[in-house]
């Protein structure tokens, strides 16, 4: 956490009550102490003050940082201090995800460990977001469970770009579907993409793709 200390001051932070899952603040960091592992926010940005256990989502320049913490100190000079500690081993979906709607694009796909750039990016919209996952909405049939996709999101002052694996599909209708995506390391490979065939919107100078790949995320009918 110390390597990001300088960039955290002034950054947007969202805070949720761990017991209720309710968002209690969307504000800015006014101070950060890397030695004590604490952040300070303006007390006026808090909807309901009081001692409680919280989760926080910090919007860095190119990544999201998620921590758990305790608000247990009195307000001093209109500032409230939050003691941070590392996240839980197992993610709690109800309490660690934040309702953030933002436009984005799928700019590529990873096939057998090789990243292929799409000539025509696929438009998406985030439904909620956490430090290690996204729930996105896109045109029905865009992706399948197990697809590994390169996503770019513009969250104002924060630009996210990373590789995600589609782990679930929900709320399907004739026009749209929602896709639960888990962030993965950029270099990991997957062998089950051999079934796909190359299509015209893949760049001509892209890395070779496995025989049989279709290049489209749509299901065959």
C-alpha atoms as a PDB file:
ATOM      1  CA  UNK A   1       0.000   0.000   0.000  1.00  0.00           C
ATOM      2  CA  UNK A   2       2.887   2.408   0.670  1.00  0.00           C
ATOM      3  CA  UNK A   3       3.893   2.647  -2.990  1.00  0.00           C
ATOM      4  CA  UNK A   4       0.536   4.271  -3.762  1.00  0.00           C
ATOM      5  CA  UNK A   5       0.639   6.724  -0.873  1.00  0.00           C
ATOM      6  CA  UNK A   6       1.315   9.838  -2.944  1.00  0.00           C
ATOM      7  CA  UNK A   7      -1.447   9.178  -5.435  1.00  0.00           C
ATOM      8  CA  UNK A   8      -4.110   8.427  -2.817  1.00  0.00           C
ATOM      9  CA  UNK A   9      -4.493  11.953  -1.421  1.00  0.00           C
ATOM     10  CA  UNK A  10      -7.321  13.673  -3.243  1.00  0.00           C
ATOM     11  CA  UNK A  11      -8.536  10.450  -4.809  1.00  0.00           C
ATOM     12  CA  UNK A  12     -12.183   9.391  -4.782  1.00  0.00           C
ATOM     13  CA  UNK A  13     -13.159   6.868  -2.101  1.00  0.00           C
ATOM     14  CA  UNK A  14     -16.399   4.985  -1.555  1.00  0.00           C
ATOM     15  CA  UNK A  15     -17.192   3.568   1.879  1.00  0.00           C
ATOM     16  CA  UNK A  16     -19.733   0.885   2.780  1.00  0.00           C
ATOM     17  CA  UNK A  17     -20.982  -0.315   6.150  1.00  0.00           C
ATOM     18  CA  UNK A  18     -19.995  -3.998   6.376  1.00  0.00           C
ATOM     19  CA  UNK A  19     -22.962  -4.910   8.565  1.00  0.00           C
ATOM     20  CA  UNK A  20     -25.665  -3.392   6.360  1.00  0.00           C
ATOM     21  CA  UNK A  21     -23.938  -3.237   2.969  1.00  0.00           C
ATOM     22  CA  UNK A  22     -25.112   0.373   2.679  1.00  0.00           C
ATOM     23  CA  UNK A  23     -22.987   3.019   0.971  1.00  0.00           C
ATOM     24  CA  UNK A  24     -22.304   5.646   3.633  1.00  0.00           C
ATOM     25  CA  UNK A  25     -19.833   7.924   1.843  1.00  0.00           C
ATOM     26  CA  UNK A  26     -18.592   8.821  -1.631  1.00  0.00           C
ATOM     27  CA  UNK A  27     -15.970  11.476  -1.061  1.00  0.00           C
ATOM     28  CA  UNK A  28     -12.228  12.303  -1.342  1.00  0.00           C
ATOM     29  CA  UNK A  29      -9.209  11.266   0.705  1.00  0.00           C
ATOM     30  CA  UNK A  30      -7.826  14.276   2.570  1.00  0.00           C
ATOM     31  CA  UNK A  31      -4.788  12.551   4.127  1.00  0.00           C
ATOM     32  CA  UNK A  32      -3.017   9.203   4.089  1.00  0.00           C
ATOM     33  CA  UNK A  33      -0.561   7.780   6.633  1.00  0.00           C
ATOM     34  CA  UNK A  34       1.327   4.781   5.196  1.00  0.00           C
ATOM     35  CA  UNK A  35       2.986   3.956   8.525  1.00  0.00           C
ATOM     36  CA  UNK A  36      -0.276   3.834  10.480  1.00  0.00           C
ATOM     37  CA  UNK A  37      -2.245   2.545   7.477  1.00  0.00           C
ATOM     38  CA  UNK A  38      -4.953   5.112   7.873  1.00  0.00           C
ATOM     39  CA  UNK A  39      -6.864   7.407   5.552  1.00  0.00           C
ATOM     40  CA  UNK A  40      -8.732  10.563   6.489  1.00  0.00           C
ATOM     41  CA  UNK A  41     -11.870  11.956   4.919  1.00  0.00           C
ATOM     42  CA  UNK A  42     -13.982  15.017   5.529  1.00  0.00           C
ATOM     43  CA  UNK A  43     -16.636  14.255   8.148  1.00  0.00           C
ATOM     44  CA  UNK A  44     -19.153  16.227   6.083  1.00  0.00           C
ATOM     45  CA  UNK A  45     -18.942  13.556   3.370  1.00  0.00           C
ATOM     46  CA  UNK A  46     -20.282  10.866   5.714  1.00  0.00           C
ATOM     47  CA  UNK A  47     -24.027  10.249   5.697  1.00  0.00           C
ATOM     48  CA  UNK A  48     -24.123   8.657   9.166  1.00  0.00           C
ATOM     49  CA  UNK A  49     -21.129   8.988  11.534  1.00  0.00           C
ATOM     50  CA  UNK A  50     -20.301   6.458  14.231  1.00  0.00           C
ATOM     51  CA  UNK A  51     -17.977   3.576  15.042  1.00  0.00           C
ATOM     52  CA  UNK A  52     -18.327   0.717  12.563  1.00  0.00           C
ATOM     53  CA  UNK A  53     -16.550  -1.811  10.387  1.00  0.00           C
ATOM     54  CA  UNK A  54     -16.351  -0.713   6.772  1.00  0.00           C
ATOM     55  CA  UNK A  55     -15.090  -1.655   3.317  1.00  0.00           C
ATOM     56  CA  UNK A  56     -13.500   1.034   1.180  1.00  0.00           C
ATOM     57  CA  UNK A  57     -12.921   1.281  -2.553  1.00  0.00           C
ATOM     58  CA  UNK A  58     -10.224   3.764  -3.606  1.00  0.00           C
ATOM     59  CA  UNK A  59     -10.032   5.003  -7.199  1.00  0.00           C
ATOM     60  CA  UNK A  60      -6.345   5.152  -8.126  1.00  0.00           C
ATOM     61  CA  UNK A  61      -5.068   6.486 -11.441  1.00  0.00           C
ATOM     62  CA  UNK A  62      -5.043   3.094 -13.164  1.00  0.00           C
ATOM     63  CA  UNK A  63      -6.453   0.655 -10.646  1.00  0.00           C
ATOM     64  CA  UNK A  64      -8.968   0.195  -7.854  1.00  0.00           C
ATOM     65  CA  UNK A  65      -7.774  -0.539  -4.326  1.00  0.00           C
ATOM     66  CA  UNK A  66     -10.090  -2.307  -1.909  1.00  0.00           C
ATOM     67  CA  UNK A  67      -9.559  -2.574   1.835  1.00  0.00           C
ATOM     68  CA  UNK A  68     -11.489  -3.267   4.999  1.00  0.00           C
ATOM     69  CA  UNK A  69     -11.233  -0.987   7.984  1.00  0.00           C
ATOM     70  CA  UNK A  70     -12.622   0.474  11.179  1.00  0.00           C
ATOM     71  CA  UNK A  71     -14.097   3.893  11.800  1.00  0.00           C
ATOM     72  CA  UNK A  72     -13.646   4.188  15.521  1.00  0.00           C
ATOM     73  CA  UNK A  73     -12.136   7.562  16.240  1.00  0.00           C
ATOM     74  CA  UNK A  74     -13.808  10.908  16.971  1.00  0.00           C
ATOM     75  CA  UNK A  75     -14.046  13.686  14.414  1.00  0.00           C
ATOM     76  CA  UNK A  76     -11.116  16.100  14.736  1.00  0.00           C
ATOM     77  CA  UNK A  77     -11.053  19.349  12.737  1.00  0.00           C
ATOM     78  CA  UNK A  78     -13.904  18.005  10.598  1.00  0.00           C
ATOM     79  CA  UNK A  79     -11.804  14.962   9.610  1.00  0.00           C
ATOM     80  CA  UNK A  80     -12.582  11.318  10.269  1.00  0.00           C
ATOM     81  CA  UNK A  81      -9.872   8.640  10.371  1.00  0.00           C
ATOM     82  CA  UNK A  82     -10.292   5.088   9.046  1.00  0.00           C
ATOM     83  CA  UNK A  83      -7.873   2.340  10.102  1.00  0.00           C
ATOM     84  CA  UNK A  84      -7.283   0.038   7.134  1.00  0.00           C
ATOM     85  CA  UNK A  85      -6.469  -3.641   7.104  1.00  0.00           C
ATOM     86  CA  UNK A  86      -6.235  -6.221   4.327  1.00  0.00           C
ATOM     87  CA  UNK A  87      -9.268  -7.655   2.616  1.00  0.00           C
ATOM     88  CA  UNK A  88     -10.970 -10.885   3.527  1.00  0.00           C
ATOM     89  CA  UNK A  89      -9.843 -14.170   2.033  1.00  0.00           C
ATOM     90  CA  UNK A  90     -13.261 -14.921   0.547  1.00  0.00           C
ATOM     91  CA  UNK A  91     -15.112 -12.188  -1.286  1.00  0.00           C
ATOM     92  CA  UNK A  92     -18.527 -11.183   0.032  1.00  0.00           C
ATOM     93  CA  UNK A  93     -20.436 -10.183  -3.084  1.00  0.00           C
ATOM     94  CA  UNK A  94     -23.211  -8.363  -1.297  1.00  0.00           C
ATOM     95  CA  UNK A  95     -20.887  -6.076   0.623  1.00  0.00           C
ATOM     96  CA  UNK A  96     -17.765  -5.647  -1.469  1.00  0.00           C
ATOM     97  CA  UNK A  97     -19.385  -4.649  -4.757  1.00  0.00           C
ATOM     98  CA  UNK A  98     -20.260  -1.062  -5.579  1.00  0.00           C
ATOM     99  CA  UNK A  99     -23.058   0.119  -7.852  1.00  0.00           C
ATOM    100  CA  UNK A 100     -21.134   2.059 -10.492  1.00  0.00           C
ATOM    101  CA  UNK A 101     -22.571   2.515 -13.974  1.00  0.00           C
ATOM    102  CA  UNK A 102     -19.964   3.491 -16.550  1.00  0.00           C
ATOM    103  CA  UNK A 103     -19.436   2.872 -20.273  1.00  0.00           C
ATOM    104  CA  UNK A 104     -16.575   0.697 -21.458  1.00  0.00           C
ATOM    105  CA  UNK A 105     -15.266  -1.450 -24.275  1.00  0.00           C
ATOM    106  CA  UNK A 106     -13.965  -4.958 -24.777  1.00  0.00           C
ATOM    107  CA  UNK A 107     -10.918  -4.324 -26.937  1.00  0.00           C
ATOM    108  CA  UNK A 108      -9.496  -7.839 -27.205  1.00  0.00           C
ATOM    109  CA  UNK A 109      -9.631 -11.509 -26.338  1.00  0.00           C
ATOM    110  CA  UNK A 110      -6.966 -13.863 -25.013  1.00  0.00           C
ATOM    111  CA  UNK A 111      -6.617 -17.093 -26.945  1.00  0.00           C
ATOM    112  CA  UNK A 112      -4.141 -19.804 -25.921  1.00  0.00           C
ATOM    113  CA  UNK A 113      -2.122 -17.208 -24.029  1.00  0.00           C
ATOM    114  CA  UNK A 114      -1.996 -14.735 -26.925  1.00  0.00           C
ATOM    115  CA  UNK A 115      -3.818 -11.419 -26.851  1.00  0.00           C
ATOM    116  CA  UNK A 116      -5.822 -10.606 -29.997  1.00  0.00           C
ATOM    117  CA  UNK A 117      -6.976  -7.035 -30.621  1.00  0.00           C
ATOM    118  CA  UNK A 118     -10.495  -6.576 -31.969  1.00  0.00           C
ATOM    119  CA  UNK A 119     -10.888  -4.260 -34.955  1.00  0.00           C
ATOM    120  CA  UNK A 120     -14.354  -3.292 -33.689  1.00  0.00           C
ATOM    121  CA  UNK A 121     -14.485  -3.119 -29.844  1.00  0.00           C
ATOM    122  CA  UNK A 122     -17.625  -4.418 -28.125  1.00  0.00           C
ATOM    123  CA  UNK A 123     -19.550  -1.785 -26.168  1.00  0.00           C
ATOM    124  CA  UNK A 124     -20.355  -2.608 -22.531  1.00  0.00           C
ATOM    125  CA  UNK A 125     -21.796  -0.888 -19.461  1.00  0.00           C
ATOM    126  CA  UNK A 126     -20.768  -1.704 -15.896  1.00  0.00           C
ATOM    127  CA  UNK A 127     -23.530  -2.537 -13.424  1.00  0.00           C
ATOM    128  CA  UNK A 128     -21.312  -2.901 -10.361  1.00  0.00           C
ATOM    129  CA  UNK A 129     -17.616  -3.111  -9.642  1.00  0.00           C
ATOM    130  CA  UNK A 130     -15.089  -4.219  -7.046  1.00  0.00           C
ATOM    131  CA  UNK A 131     -11.309  -4.351  -6.884  1.00  0.00           C
ATOM    132  CA  UNK A 132     -11.271  -7.865  -8.357  1.00  0.00           C
ATOM    133  CA  UNK A 133     -14.402  -8.118 -10.464  1.00  0.00           C
ATOM    134  CA  UNK A 134     -17.021  -6.484 -12.652  1.00  0.00           C
ATOM    135  CA  UNK A 135     -20.645  -7.041 -13.545  1.00  0.00           C
ATOM    136  CA  UNK A 136     -21.143  -5.772 -17.084  1.00  0.00           C
ATOM    137  CA  UNK A 137     -24.054  -5.569 -19.498  1.00  0.00           C
ATOM    138  CA  UNK A 138     -23.739  -6.024 -23.250  1.00  0.00           C
ATOM    139  CA  UNK A 139     -25.629  -7.277 -26.264  1.00  0.00           C
ATOM    140  CA  UNK A 140     -27.090 -10.738 -25.799  1.00  0.00           C
ATOM    141  CA  UNK A 141     -24.755 -13.484 -26.958  1.00  0.00           C
ATOM    142  CA  UNK A 142     -21.643 -11.320 -26.795  1.00  0.00           C
ATOM    143  CA  UNK A 143     -19.702 -13.679 -24.503  1.00  0.00           C
ATOM    144  CA  UNK A 144     -19.725 -17.183 -23.119  1.00  0.00           C
ATOM    145  CA  UNK A 145     -18.745 -18.468 -19.698  1.00  0.00           C
ATOM    146  CA  UNK A 146     -14.976 -18.993 -19.665  1.00  0.00           C
ATOM    147  CA  UNK A 147     -14.173 -16.275 -22.222  1.00  0.00           C
ATOM    148  CA  UNK A 148     -11.160 -14.128 -21.323  1.00  0.00           C
ATOM    149  CA  UNK A 149     -11.611 -10.555 -22.457  1.00  0.00           C
ATOM    150  CA  UNK A 150      -9.613  -7.338 -22.308  1.00  0.00           C
ATOM    151  CA  UNK A 151     -11.742  -4.528 -20.854  1.00  0.00           C
ATOM    152  CA  UNK A 152     -11.129  -0.789 -20.826  1.00  0.00           C
ATOM    153  CA  UNK A 153     -13.207   1.447 -18.542  1.00  0.00           C
ATOM    154  CA  UNK A 154     -13.149   5.213 -18.180  1.00  0.00           C
ATOM    155  CA  UNK A 155     -14.281   6.152 -14.663  1.00  0.00           C
ATOM    156  CA  UNK A 156     -13.516   9.852 -14.972  1.00  0.00           C
ATOM    157  CA  UNK A 157     -10.126  10.362 -13.350  1.00  0.00           C
ATOM    158  CA  UNK A 158      -9.540   6.606 -13.187  1.00  0.00           C
ATOM    159  CA  UNK A 159      -8.870   4.557 -16.311  1.00  0.00           C
ATOM    160  CA  UNK A 160      -9.004   0.779 -15.862  1.00  0.00           C
ATOM    161  CA  UNK A 161      -7.630  -1.697 -18.364  1.00  0.00           C
ATOM    162  CA  UNK A 162      -7.339  -5.373 -17.559  1.00  0.00           C
ATOM    163  CA  UNK A 163      -8.005  -8.978 -18.497  1.00  0.00           C
ATOM    164  CA  UNK A 164     -11.166 -10.549 -17.084  1.00  0.00           C
ATOM    165  CA  UNK A 165     -12.715 -14.003 -17.237  1.00  0.00           C
ATOM    166  CA  UNK A 166     -16.474 -14.383 -17.661  1.00  0.00           C
ATOM    167  CA  UNK A 167     -17.578 -16.554 -14.735  1.00  0.00           C
ATOM    168  CA  UNK A 168     -21.368 -16.251 -14.918  1.00  0.00           C
ATOM    169  CA  UNK A 169     -24.195 -15.027 -17.161  1.00  0.00           C
ATOM    170  CA  UNK A 170     -27.434 -13.636 -15.732  1.00  0.00           C
ATOM    171  CA  UNK A 171     -30.532 -11.522 -16.475  1.00  0.00           C
ATOM    172  CA  UNK A 172     -30.724 -12.752 -20.056  1.00  0.00           C
ATOM    173  CA  UNK A 173     -33.308 -11.350 -22.442  1.00  0.00           C
ATOM    174  CA  UNK A 174     -33.706 -10.974 -26.196  1.00  0.00           C
ATOM    175  CA  UNK A 175     -31.433  -7.910 -26.412  1.00  0.00           C
ATOM    176  CA  UNK A 176     -29.003  -7.867 -23.470  1.00  0.00           C
ATOM    177  CA  UNK A 177     -27.242 -10.070 -20.916  1.00  0.00           C
ATOM    178  CA  UNK A 178     -25.241  -9.399 -17.788  1.00  0.00           C
ATOM    179  CA  UNK A 179     -21.804 -10.987 -17.388  1.00  0.00           C
ATOM    180  CA  UNK A 180     -20.005 -11.490 -14.077  1.00  0.00           C
ATOM    181  CA  UNK A 181     -16.278 -11.098 -14.726  1.00  0.00           C
ATOM    182  CA  UNK A 182     -13.308 -11.918 -12.502  1.00  0.00           C
ATOM    183  CA  UNK A 183     -10.018 -10.060 -12.888  1.00  0.00           C
ATOM    184  CA  UNK A 184      -7.120 -12.330 -13.842  1.00  0.00           C
ATOM    185  CA  UNK A 185      -3.375 -11.914 -14.404  1.00  0.00           C
ATOM    186  CA  UNK A 186      -2.609 -10.735 -17.925  1.00  0.00           C
ATOM    187  CA  UNK A 187      -0.218 -13.567 -18.781  1.00  0.00           C
ATOM    188  CA  UNK A 188      -2.357 -16.630 -18.017  1.00  0.00           C
ATOM    189  CA  UNK A 189      -3.322 -18.914 -20.892  1.00  0.00           C
ATOM    190  CA  UNK A 190      -6.375 -20.996 -21.634  1.00  0.00           C
ATOM    191  CA  UNK A 191      -6.617 -23.837 -24.092  1.00  0.00           C
ATOM    192  CA  UNK A 192     -10.354 -24.095 -24.691  1.00  0.00           C
ATOM    193  CA  UNK A 193     -10.466 -21.277 -27.244  1.00  0.00           C
ATOM    194  CA  UNK A 194      -9.337 -23.572 -30.108  1.00  0.00           C
ATOM    195  CA  UNK A 195     -12.970 -23.936 -31.145  1.00  0.00           C
ATOM    196  CA  UNK A 196     -13.130 -20.318 -32.340  1.00  0.00           C
ATOM    197  CA  UNK A 197     -12.602 -19.124 -35.942  1.00  0.00           C
ATOM    198  CA  UNK A 198     -11.039 -15.935 -37.223  1.00  0.00           C
ATOM    199  CA  UNK A 199     -13.432 -13.174 -38.413  1.00  0.00           C
ATOM    200  CA  UNK A 200     -13.022  -9.952 -40.355  1.00  0.00           C
ATOM    201  CA  UNK A 201     -12.821  -7.572 -37.416  1.00  0.00           C
ATOM    202  CA  UNK A 202      -9.634  -9.143 -36.087  1.00  0.00           C
ATOM    203  CA  UNK A 203      -6.613  -7.065 -37.160  1.00  0.00           C
ATOM    204  CA  UNK A 204      -4.725  -8.582 -40.069  1.00  0.00           C
ATOM    205  CA  UNK A 205      -1.391  -8.124 -38.312  1.00  0.00           C
ATOM    206  CA  UNK A 206      -2.574  -9.775 -35.081  1.00  0.00           C
ATOM    207  CA  UNK A 207      -0.900 -12.871 -33.701  1.00  0.00           C
ATOM    208  CA  UNK A 208      -2.018 -16.122 -35.375  1.00  0.00           C
ATOM    209  CA  UNK A 209      -5.131 -17.637 -33.862  1.00  0.00           C
ATOM    210  CA  UNK A 210      -5.856 -21.334 -33.365  1.00  0.00           C
ATOM    211  CA  UNK A 211      -7.517 -23.162 -36.226  1.00  0.00           C
ATOM    212  CA  UNK A 212     -11.286 -23.319 -35.787  1.00  0.00           C
ATOM    213  CA  UNK A 213     -11.683 -19.976 -33.929  1.00  0.00           C
ATOM    214  CA  UNK A 214     -14.537 -17.870 -35.280  1.00  0.00           C
ATOM    215  CA  UNK A 215     -13.457 -14.520 -33.830  1.00  0.00           C
ATOM    216  CA  UNK A 216     -16.929 -13.594 -32.710  1.00  0.00           C
ATOM    217  CA  UNK A 217     -18.253 -13.917 -29.197  1.00  0.00           C
ATOM    218  CA  UNK A 218     -21.684 -14.967 -30.394  1.00  0.00           C
ATOM    219  CA  UNK A 219     -23.057 -18.430 -29.920  1.00  0.00           C
ATOM    220  CA  UNK A 220     -23.699 -20.511 -33.006  1.00  0.00           C
ATOM    221  CA  UNK A 221     -27.326 -21.158 -33.856  1.00  0.00           C
END
